[in-house]
């Protein structure tokens, strides 16, 4: 169970570089890189708001809840039965 960041996909769809996004939203390239790679432990709502405003998207386009792993064990148990 995890929250995945799909900022790289949204940037690709918008044909925008991380550097360009950094300049537009006023967040350092280093901090955006941490967010993009999924290494961030938190994100401020003000940052999320700025990203969504600049990218023309919703928070759910950038952040995804992924239950990967929880269902896998159940599937294996069912196959063994």
PDB file of N, CA and C in Angstrom:
ATOM      1  N   UNK A   1       0.852  -1.174   0.000  1.00  0.00           N
ATOM      2  CA  UNK A   1       0.000   0.000   0.000  1.00  0.00           C
ATOM      3  C   UNK A   1       0.898   1.238   0.000  1.00  0.00           C
ATOM      4  N   UNK A   2       0.698   2.112  -0.979  1.00  0.00           N
ATOM      5  CA  UNK A   2       1.564   3.284  -1.097  1.00  0.00           C
ATOM      6  C   UNK A   2       0.898   4.367  -1.932  1.00  0.00           C
ATOM      7  N   UNK A   3       1.390   5.551  -1.749  1.00  0.00           N
ATOM      8  CA  UNK A   3       1.009   6.659  -2.615  1.00  0.00           C
ATOM      9  C   UNK A   3       2.114   6.786  -3.657  1.00  0.00           C
ATOM     10  N   UNK A   4       1.747   6.699  -4.926  1.00  0.00           N
ATOM     11  CA  UNK A   4       2.713   6.855  -6.010  1.00  0.00           C
ATOM     12  C   UNK A   4       2.572   8.239  -6.626  1.00  0.00           C
ATOM     13  N   UNK A   5       3.695   8.812  -7.011  1.00  0.00           N
ATOM     14  CA  UNK A   5       3.722  10.122  -7.665  1.00  0.00           C
ATOM     15  C   UNK A   5       3.926   9.891  -9.157  1.00  0.00           C
ATOM     16  N   UNK A   6       3.023  10.444  -9.960  1.00  0.00           N
ATOM     17  CA  UNK A   6       3.094  10.257 -11.412  1.00  0.00           C
ATOM     18  C   UNK A   6       3.409  11.579 -12.119  1.00  0.00           C
ATOM     19  N   UNK A   7       4.187  12.410 -11.448  1.00  0.00           N
ATOM     20  CA  UNK A   7       4.547  13.709 -12.008  1.00  0.00           C
ATOM     21  C   UNK A   7       5.285  13.563 -13.332  1.00  0.00           C
ATOM     22  N   UNK A   8       6.115  12.549 -13.461  1.00  0.00           N
ATOM     23  CA  UNK A   8       6.856  12.350 -14.708  1.00  0.00           C
ATOM     24  C   UNK A   8       5.915  12.115 -15.884  1.00  0.00           C
ATOM     25  N   UNK A   9       4.840  11.347 -15.673  1.00  0.00           N
ATOM     26  CA  UNK A   9       3.870  11.089 -16.731  1.00  0.00           C
ATOM     27  C   UNK A   9       3.136  12.372 -17.130  1.00  0.00           C
ATOM     28  N   UNK A  10       2.744  13.161 -16.126  1.00  0.00           N
ATOM     29  CA  UNK A  10       2.029  14.412 -16.403  1.00  0.00           C
ATOM     30  C   UNK A  10       2.945  15.379 -17.148  1.00  0.00           C
ATOM     31  N   UNK A  11       4.203  15.455 -16.752  1.00  0.00           N
ATOM     32  CA  UNK A  11       5.163  16.325 -17.447  1.00  0.00           C
ATOM     33  C   UNK A  11       5.347  15.882 -18.894  1.00  0.00           C
ATOM     34  N   UNK A  12       5.435  14.588 -19.109  1.00  0.00           N
ATOM     35  CA  UNK A  12       5.601  14.052 -20.458  1.00  0.00           C
ATOM     36  C   UNK A  12       4.391  14.410 -21.327  1.00  0.00           C
ATOM     37  N   UNK A  13       3.197  14.251 -20.765  1.00  0.00           N
ATOM     38  CA  UNK A  13       1.979  14.597 -21.508  1.00  0.00           C
ATOM     39  C   UNK A  13       1.934  16.080 -21.866  1.00  0.00           C
ATOM     40  N   UNK A  14       2.485  16.927 -20.978  1.00  0.00           N
ATOM     41  CA  UNK A  14       2.470  18.377 -21.195  1.00  0.00           C
ATOM     42  C   UNK A  14       3.692  18.851 -21.986  1.00  0.00           C
ATOM     43  N   UNK A  15       4.597  17.904 -22.281  1.00  0.00           N
ATOM     44  CA  UNK A  15       5.862  18.229 -22.969  1.00  0.00           C
ATOM     45  C   UNK A  15       6.604  19.354 -22.245  1.00  0.00           C
ATOM     46  N   UNK A  16       6.722  19.184 -20.929  1.00  0.00           N
ATOM     47  CA  UNK A  16       7.367  20.182 -20.088  1.00  0.00           C
ATOM     48  C   UNK A  16       8.503  19.512 -19.314  1.00  0.00           C
ATOM     49  N   UNK A  17       9.595  20.213 -19.168  1.00  0.00           N
ATOM     50  CA  UNK A  17      10.717  19.674 -18.401  1.00  0.00           C
ATOM     51  C   UNK A  17      10.544  19.999 -16.926  1.00  0.00           C
ATOM     52  N   UNK A  18      11.226  19.261 -16.094  1.00  0.00           N
ATOM     53  CA  UNK A  18      11.198  19.517 -14.653  1.00  0.00           C
ATOM     54  C   UNK A  18      11.777  20.894 -14.348  1.00  0.00           C
ATOM     55  N   UNK A  19      12.793  21.289 -15.102  1.00  0.00           N
ATOM     56  CA  UNK A  19      13.403  22.609 -14.931  1.00  0.00           C
ATOM     57  C   UNK A  19      12.406  23.713 -15.242  1.00  0.00           C
ATOM     58  N   UNK A  20      11.653  23.554 -16.323  1.00  0.00           N
ATOM     59  CA  UNK A  20      10.647  24.552 -16.682  1.00  0.00           C
ATOM     60  C   UNK A  20       9.563  24.638 -15.613  1.00  0.00           C
ATOM     61  N   UNK A  21       9.118  23.492 -15.124  1.00  0.00           N
ATOM     62  CA  UNK A  21       8.103  23.479 -14.071  1.00  0.00           C
ATOM     63  C   UNK A  21       8.630  24.153 -12.811  1.00  0.00           C
ATOM     64  N   UNK A  22       9.869  23.880 -12.469  1.00  0.00           N
ATOM     65  CA  UNK A  22      10.498  24.499 -11.304  1.00  0.00           C
ATOM     66  C   UNK A  22      10.482  26.018 -11.412  1.00  0.00           C
ATOM     67  N   UNK A  23      10.845  26.527 -12.565  1.00  0.00           N
ATOM     68  CA  UNK A  23      10.841  27.979 -12.788  1.00  0.00           C
ATOM     69  C   UNK A  23       9.439  28.560 -12.670  1.00  0.00           C
ATOM     70  N   UNK A  24       8.461  27.844 -13.181  1.00  0.00           N
ATOM     71  CA  UNK A  24       7.080  28.347 -13.202  1.00  0.00           C
ATOM     72  C   UNK A  24       6.411  28.350 -11.836  1.00  0.00           C
ATOM     73  N   UNK A  25       6.698  27.337 -11.012  1.00  0.00           N
ATOM     74  CA  UNK A  25       6.011  27.238  -9.721  1.00  0.00           C
ATOM     75  C   UNK A  25       6.833  27.754  -8.541  1.00  0.00           C
ATOM     76  N   UNK A  26       8.105  28.019  -8.767  1.00  0.00           N
ATOM     77  CA  UNK A  26       8.932  28.551  -7.685  1.00  0.00           C
ATOM     78  C   UNK A  26       9.340  27.514  -6.650  1.00  0.00           C
ATOM     79  N   UNK A  27       9.432  26.269  -7.062  1.00  0.00           N
ATOM     80  CA  UNK A  27       9.910  25.188  -6.203  1.00  0.00           C
ATOM     81  C   UNK A  27      11.250  24.748  -6.764  1.00  0.00           C
ATOM     82  N   UNK A  28      12.215  24.499  -5.879  1.00  0.00           N
ATOM     83  CA  UNK A  28      13.553  24.161  -6.362  1.00  0.00           C
ATOM     84  C   UNK A  28      13.535  22.878  -7.186  1.00  0.00           C
ATOM     85  N   UNK A  29      14.449  22.800  -8.107  1.00  0.00           N
ATOM     86  CA  UNK A  29      14.591  21.618  -8.952  1.00  0.00           C
ATOM     87  C   UNK A  29      14.862  20.383  -8.085  1.00  0.00           C
ATOM     88  N   UNK A  30      15.671  20.553  -7.051  1.00  0.00           N
ATOM     89  CA  UNK A  30      15.989  19.433  -6.156  1.00  0.00           C
ATOM     90  C   UNK A  30      14.732  18.898  -5.474  1.00  0.00           C
ATOM     91  N   UNK A  31      13.874  19.799  -4.987  1.00  0.00           N
ATOM     92  CA  UNK A  31      12.651  19.357  -4.310  1.00  0.00           C
ATOM     93  C   UNK A  31      11.673  18.703  -5.283  1.00  0.00           C
ATOM     94  N   UNK A  32      11.561  19.233  -6.488  1.00  0.00           N
ATOM     95  CA  UNK A  32      10.688  18.606  -7.481  1.00  0.00           C
ATOM     96  C   UNK A  32      11.225  17.233  -7.884  1.00  0.00           C
ATOM     97  N   UNK A  33      12.531  17.109  -7.958  1.00  0.00           N
ATOM     98  CA  UNK A  33      13.139  15.829  -8.303  1.00  0.00           C
ATOM     99  C   UNK A  33      12.840  14.789  -7.224  1.00  0.00           C
ATOM    100  N   UNK A  34      12.922  15.179  -5.961  1.00  0.00           N
ATOM    101  CA  UNK A  34      12.598  14.278  -4.849  1.00  0.00           C
ATOM    102  C   UNK A  34      11.146  13.838  -4.941  1.00  0.00           C
ATOM    103  N   UNK A  35      10.269  14.776  -5.251  1.00  0.00           N
ATOM    104  CA  UNK A  35       8.856  14.452  -5.404  1.00  0.00           C
ATOM    105  C   UNK A  35       8.636  13.515  -6.585  1.00  0.00           C
ATOM    106  N   UNK A  36       9.242  13.832  -7.709  1.00  0.00           N
ATOM    107  CA  UNK A  36       9.064  13.058  -8.941  1.00  0.00           C
ATOM    108  C   UNK A  36       9.541  11.615  -8.800  1.00  0.00           C
ATOM    109  N   UNK A  37      10.620  11.408  -8.069  1.00  0.00           N
ATOM    110  CA  UNK A  37      11.167  10.062  -7.919  1.00  0.00           C
ATOM    111  C   UNK A  37      10.473   9.261  -6.828  1.00  0.00           C
ATOM    112  N   UNK A  38       9.503   9.881  -6.148  1.00  0.00           N
ATOM    113  CA  UNK A  38       8.766   9.174  -5.108  1.00  0.00           C
ATOM    114  C   UNK A  38       9.475   9.088  -3.785  1.00  0.00           C
ATOM    115  N   UNK A  39      10.527   9.862  -3.591  1.00  0.00           N
ATOM    116  CA  UNK A  39      11.294   9.830  -2.349  1.00  0.00           C
ATOM    117  C   UNK A  39      10.786  10.822  -1.313  1.00  0.00           C
ATOM    118  N   UNK A  40       9.826  11.658  -1.689  1.00  0.00           N
ATOM    119  CA  UNK A  40       9.283  12.655  -0.755  1.00  0.00           C
ATOM    120  C   UNK A  40       8.431  11.962   0.297  1.00  0.00           C
ATOM    121  N   UNK A  41       8.540  12.419   1.529  1.00  0.00           N
ATOM    122  CA  UNK A  41       7.741  11.885   2.626  1.00  0.00           C
ATOM    123  C   UNK A  41       6.451  12.682   2.801  1.00  0.00           C
ATOM    124  N   UNK A  42       6.413  13.891   2.253  1.00  0.00           N
ATOM    125  CA  UNK A  42       5.243  14.764   2.381  1.00  0.00           C
ATOM    126  C   UNK A  42       5.261  15.780   1.252  1.00  0.00           C
ATOM    127  N   UNK A  43       4.113  16.386   1.025  1.00  0.00           N
ATOM    128  CA  UNK A  43       4.019  17.477   0.054  1.00  0.00           C
ATOM    129  C   UNK A  43       3.048  18.506   0.637  1.00  0.00           C
ATOM    130  N   UNK A  44       3.434  19.755   0.593  1.00  0.00           N
ATOM    131  CA  UNK A  44       2.574  20.821   1.101  1.00  0.00           C
ATOM    132  C   UNK A  44       1.418  21.035   0.140  1.00  0.00           C
ATOM    133  N   UNK A  45       0.269  21.361   0.706  1.00  0.00           N
ATOM    134  CA  UNK A  45      -0.883  21.660  -0.143  1.00  0.00           C
ATOM    135  C   UNK A  45      -0.594  22.844  -1.047  1.00  0.00           C
ATOM    136  N   UNK A  46       0.157  23.816  -0.575  1.00  0.00           N
ATOM    137  CA  UNK A  46       0.471  24.984  -1.409  1.00  0.00           C
ATOM    138  C   UNK A  46       1.316  24.571  -2.616  1.00  0.00           C
ATOM    139  N   UNK A  47       2.216  23.609  -2.428  1.00  0.00           N
ATOM    140  CA  UNK A  47       3.023  23.098  -3.540  1.00  0.00           C
ATOM    141  C   UNK A  47       2.149  22.315  -4.507  1.00  0.00           C
ATOM    142  N   UNK A  48       1.292  21.449  -3.970  1.00  0.00           N
ATOM    143  CA  UNK A  48       0.384  20.668  -4.798  1.00  0.00           C
ATOM    144  C   UNK A  48      -0.544  21.583  -5.588  1.00  0.00           C
ATOM    145  N   UNK A  49      -1.027  22.635  -4.935  1.00  0.00           N
ATOM    146  CA  UNK A  49      -1.894  23.602  -5.612  1.00  0.00           C
ATOM    147  C   UNK A  49      -1.158  24.295  -6.759  1.00  0.00           C
ATOM    148  N   UNK A  50       0.087  24.714  -6.521  1.00  0.00           N
ATOM    149  CA  UNK A  50       0.874  25.381  -7.563  1.00  0.00           C
ATOM    150  C   UNK A  50       1.145  24.442  -8.734  1.00  0.00           C
ATOM    151  N   UNK A  51       1.456  23.189  -8.437  1.00  0.00           N
ATOM    152  CA  UNK A  51       1.701  22.207  -9.500  1.00  0.00           C
ATOM    153  C   UNK A  51       0.446  21.990 -10.337  1.00  0.00           C
ATOM    154  N   UNK A  52      -0.688  21.816  -9.667  1.00  0.00           N
ATOM    155  CA  UNK A  52      -1.943  21.581 -10.391  1.00  0.00           C
ATOM    156  C   UNK A  52      -2.335  22.800 -11.220  1.00  0.00           C
ATOM    157  N   UNK A  53      -2.127  23.983 -10.666  1.00  0.00           N
ATOM    158  CA  UNK A  53      -2.474  25.205 -11.402  1.00  0.00           C
ATOM    159  C   UNK A  53      -1.624  25.307 -12.668  1.00  0.00           C
ATOM    160  N   UNK A  54      -0.337  25.071 -12.537  1.00  0.00           N
ATOM    161  CA  UNK A  54       0.573  25.224 -13.674  1.00  0.00           C
ATOM    162  C   UNK A  54       0.407  24.111 -14.697  1.00  0.00           C
ATOM    163  N   UNK A  55       0.123  22.901 -14.237  1.00  0.00           N
ATOM    164  CA  UNK A  55      -0.011  21.758 -15.147  1.00  0.00           C
ATOM    165  C   UNK A  55      -1.440  21.577 -15.658  1.00  0.00           C
ATOM    166  N   UNK A  56      -2.375  22.338 -15.117  1.00  0.00           N
ATOM    167  CA  UNK A  56      -3.769  22.223 -15.537  1.00  0.00           C
ATOM    168  C   UNK A  56      -4.338  20.850 -15.239  1.00  0.00           C
ATOM    169  N   UNK A  57      -4.087  20.360 -14.021  1.00  0.00           N
ATOM    170  CA  UNK A  57      -4.536  19.024 -13.660  1.00  0.00           C
ATOM    171  C   UNK A  57      -5.141  19.019 -12.265  1.00  0.00           C
ATOM    172  N   UNK A  58      -5.593  17.860 -11.840  1.00  0.00           N
ATOM    173  CA  UNK A  58      -6.128  17.652 -10.506  1.00  0.00           C
ATOM    174  C   UNK A  58      -5.088  16.915  -9.667  1.00  0.00           C
ATOM    175  N   UNK A  59      -5.156  17.017  -8.322  1.00  0.00           N
ATOM    176  CA  UNK A  59      -4.204  16.283  -7.480  1.00  0.00           C
ATOM    177  C   UNK A  59      -4.162  14.785  -7.785  1.00  0.00           C
ATOM    178  N   UNK A  60      -5.305  14.212  -8.135  1.00  0.00           N
ATOM    179  CA  UNK A  60      -5.357  12.793  -8.471  1.00  0.00           C
ATOM    180  C   UNK A  60      -4.633  12.429  -9.753  1.00  0.00           C
ATOM    181  N   UNK A  61      -4.275  13.429 -10.548  1.00  0.00           N
ATOM    182  CA  UNK A  61      -3.482  13.173 -11.750  1.00  0.00           C
ATOM    183  C   UNK A  61      -2.000  13.017 -11.398  1.00  0.00           C
ATOM    184  N   UNK A  62      -1.619  13.538 -10.234  1.00  0.00           N
ATOM    185  CA  UNK A  62      -0.220  13.515  -9.804  1.00  0.00           C
ATOM    186  C   UNK A  62       0.025  12.451  -8.732  1.00  0.00           C
ATOM    187  N   UNK A  63      -0.973  12.227  -7.883  1.00  0.00           N
ATOM    188  CA  UNK A  63      -0.844  11.286  -6.769  1.00  0.00           C
ATOM    189  C   UNK A  63      -1.837  10.144  -6.946  1.00  0.00           C
ATOM    190  N   UNK A  64      -1.363   8.911  -6.823  1.00  0.00           N
ATOM    191  CA  UNK A  64      -2.208   7.734  -6.989  1.00  0.00           C
ATOM    192  C   UNK A  64      -2.021   6.808  -5.794  1.00  0.00           C
ATOM    193  N   UNK A  65      -3.134   6.333  -5.232  1.00  0.00           N
ATOM    194  CA  UNK A  65      -3.094   5.326  -4.174  1.00  0.00           C
ATOM    195  C   UNK A  65      -2.969   3.965  -4.830  1.00  0.00           C
ATOM    196  N   UNK A  66      -1.932   3.221  -4.455  1.00  0.00           N
ATOM    197  CA  UNK A  66      -1.649   1.933  -5.089  1.00  0.00           C
ATOM    198  C   UNK A  66      -1.596   0.850  -4.014  1.00  0.00           C
ATOM    199  N   UNK A  67      -2.531  -0.064  -4.065  1.00  0.00           N
ATOM    200  CA  UNK A  67      -2.595  -1.144  -3.070  1.00  0.00           C
ATOM    201  C   UNK A  67      -1.738  -2.340  -3.457  1.00  0.00           C
ATOM    202  N   UNK A  68      -0.837  -2.169  -4.391  1.00  0.00           N
ATOM    203  CA  UNK A  68      -0.004  -3.264  -4.876  1.00  0.00           C
ATOM    204  C   UNK A  68       0.626  -4.027  -3.708  1.00  0.00           C
ATOM    205  N   UNK A  69       0.516  -5.329  -3.765  1.00  0.00           N
ATOM    206  CA  UNK A  69       1.075  -6.149  -2.697  1.00  0.00           C
ATOM    207  C   UNK A  69      -0.009  -6.743  -1.811  1.00  0.00           C
ATOM    208  N   UNK A  70      -1.035  -5.965  -1.477  1.00  0.00           N
ATOM    209  CA  UNK A  70      -2.113  -6.466  -0.622  1.00  0.00           C
ATOM    210  C   UNK A  70      -2.903  -7.562  -1.322  1.00  0.00           C
ATOM    211  N   UNK A  71      -3.258  -7.343  -2.571  1.00  0.00           N
ATOM    212  CA  UNK A  71      -4.055  -8.312  -3.315  1.00  0.00           C
ATOM    213  C   UNK A  71      -3.242  -9.491  -3.810  1.00  0.00           C
ATOM    214  N   UNK A  72      -1.940  -9.331  -3.951  1.00  0.00           N
ATOM    215  CA  UNK A  72      -1.094 -10.381  -4.502  1.00  0.00           C
ATOM    216  C   UNK A  72      -1.093 -11.620  -3.609  1.00  0.00           C
ATOM    217  N   UNK A  73      -1.033 -11.433  -2.303  1.00  0.00           N
ATOM    218  CA  UNK A  73      -1.013 -12.581  -1.386  1.00  0.00           C
ATOM    219  C   UNK A  73      -2.334 -13.333  -1.461  1.00  0.00           C
ATOM    220  N   UNK A  74      -3.444 -12.617  -1.584  1.00  0.00           N
ATOM    221  CA  UNK A  74      -4.738 -13.275  -1.700  1.00  0.00           C
ATOM    222  C   UNK A  74      -4.822 -14.095  -2.981  1.00  0.00           C
ATOM    223  N   UNK A  75      -4.300 -13.567  -4.092  1.00  0.00           N
ATOM    224  CA  UNK A  75      -4.325 -14.279  -5.367  1.00  0.00           C
ATOM    225  C   UNK A  75      -3.522 -15.563  -5.275  1.00  0.00           C
ATOM    226  N   UNK A  76      -2.367 -15.511  -4.614  1.00  0.00           N
ATOM    227  CA  UNK A  76      -1.534 -16.705  -4.482  1.00  0.00           C
ATOM    228  C   UNK A  76      -2.237 -17.755  -3.669  1.00  0.00           C
ATOM    229  N   UNK A  77      -2.953 -17.356  -2.582  1.00  0.00           N
ATOM    230  CA  UNK A  77      -3.679 -18.304  -1.760  1.00  0.00           C
ATOM    231  C   UNK A  77      -4.779 -18.976  -2.552  1.00  0.00           C
ATOM    232  N   UNK A  78      -5.484 -18.219  -3.383  1.00  0.00           N
ATOM    233  CA  UNK A  78      -6.562 -18.775  -4.182  1.00  0.00           C
ATOM    234  C   UNK A  78      -6.040 -19.760  -5.218  1.00  0.00           C
ATOM    235  N   UNK A  79      -4.854 -19.482  -5.795  1.00  0.00           N
ATOM    236  CA  UNK A  79      -4.282 -20.366  -6.791  1.00  0.00           C
ATOM    237  C   UNK A  79      -3.831 -21.681  -6.169  1.00  0.00           C
ATOM    238  N   UNK A  80      -3.360 -21.622  -4.909  1.00  0.00           N
ATOM    239  CA  UNK A  80      -2.869 -22.810  -4.233  1.00  0.00           C
ATOM    240  C   UNK A  80      -4.009 -23.725  -3.822  1.00  0.00           C
ATOM    241  N   UNK A  81      -5.208 -23.174  -3.635  1.00  0.00           N
ATOM    242  CA  UNK A  81      -6.355 -23.971  -3.152  1.00  0.00           C
ATOM    243  C   UNK A  81      -6.930 -24.884  -4.184  1.00  0.00           C
TER     244      UNK A  81
END
